[in-house]
Amino acid sequence: MERLFPAGCFIDFGPLHLDSSGSIPPSHRIHGATPAKLRAELRVLCPRKAGVYGMVDSNGELLYVGKAKNLRVRLQSYFRKRGRPAKAGKIIRRTTTVVWEVQPGEFAALLRELELIRRWRPRGNVQGQPLRRKHAFICLGRRPAPYVFLHQKPPKTALAVFGPVPMNLWAGEAVRRLNDLFRLRDCPQKQEMIFPDQRALFTLGQPGATAGLSNVMAIPPGCMRFDLGSCLGPCTGTCARRDYQTQVKAARSFLEGKDRAALTNLEREMHLAAAAQEFERAGVLRDKWRALAWLTTRLDRLRETRQRLSFAYPQGERWYLIHGGRTIRAIPAPHDRESALEASALLRAIYSRLGNSELLESYEHMDGVMLVSAWFRKHPGELKRTLAPEQALAKCLKLTAGNQSRAR
């Protein structure tokens, strides 16, 4: 069964996604029928440099992709039986070919590792796999009566999109609580919405309608949420369009982080209920508050990351152009007029897109955002080396002007 659906035969790592030229970085490989032979080859040929590596079995399947600050030290650790993880031993027993690719530094190796995992999807890798960690977006939309819903691929008709967030029970609970809090519907799209200003003169076919009545319009029965007061009931014909849109705007303001009064009020009610020894009511309010607090914390972190992590990051002979936490491109550090002009054009093209909607991409990019965020959290001193977009652009213009003056 293992070879019933074989993986693609591995040839090389492939082109570097961050390099617009599409060039394939040089890689090196060694072969050995046994771990002992592989280890002997590694000692001679593997460099002590940062990079990525791959383990390939006898069938040509890429089993595992990893990164290392020191390739030789990292790869030799697979052959030490004492102290190595059981997973490493299992991988090396199946490996007949080791491939590595040198990178300029650890940050470059991290980005390349994630790219290769997403491209080849090796069985031995868990983190970075596009199908193993599911994310979804919090969407506000679906006319004529918008509401909050979860979707892995946001529809273009959505009024607003937030996230992505992990697609788990917390996310589903938060969406349910949001619709309750702002009294928005959550019924299927096929459910007819009836606002007072669009009700028909006759309501034949509706429950309670009476033939021949032209002035009396029957009101369709609402659902349990309408009866409990957690939905305005736009399907009943008793809710004005203006009133419903007011609640939609309030929900959007809450998700955008502009008005969190609803969450503050919920927390205050919870404490008051507990103080009055109304423990059952306090427990219900606590569950609502927990789900909404979880969501607001997630969205605030994403918002902060997108605002804080937008800059050019010089690393050796490269500039990594990071926008909204995503590494968009890696370019050679500008050193003459031609490279400075190319860098200037790219900087303007990337950093002119400052709107939130421009930064909302597929959830597949979330691992890349988390990688960048974790890197600068672990190495806060590296932030001092970054260049704000306007600083990077000024540096390029200065270089261009300097070369022009020398040419005269």
Foldseek 3Di string as FASTA:
>chain_A
DQPPPPADADDDLFFDPQAPVRDDADKDKDFDPALVVVLVVLVPPAFQAWWKKFFAAPVRATADIDTDRGVSVVVNVLVDPPPDDPLSVVRSGRGGMMMIGGDLGNLRRVVSRLVSCCVRVHPSDQPNDLPNWAWWKWFWDDPDQTATDTGQDDDPGTPDIFDTDGPDPLQVLLRVLLLLLLQGDDDDSVQDFAALVPDDQADPPAPPGDPPDRPDYAFHDDDVSVVVVSHVPRSGRPDHSVSSVVSSVVSVCCLVVNDVVSLVVLVVVLVVCVVVVVPVVSVVSVSSSVSNVVNNVNRVVLVCQQVPFAFWQDRVQWTFGTHSLAGNHIAGQDDALVSLVVVLVVLCVPVVPSDPVVVDDRCSRVSSSVSSVVVCVVVVVSVVRTGHSVRSNVVSVVRNVVNVVVVD
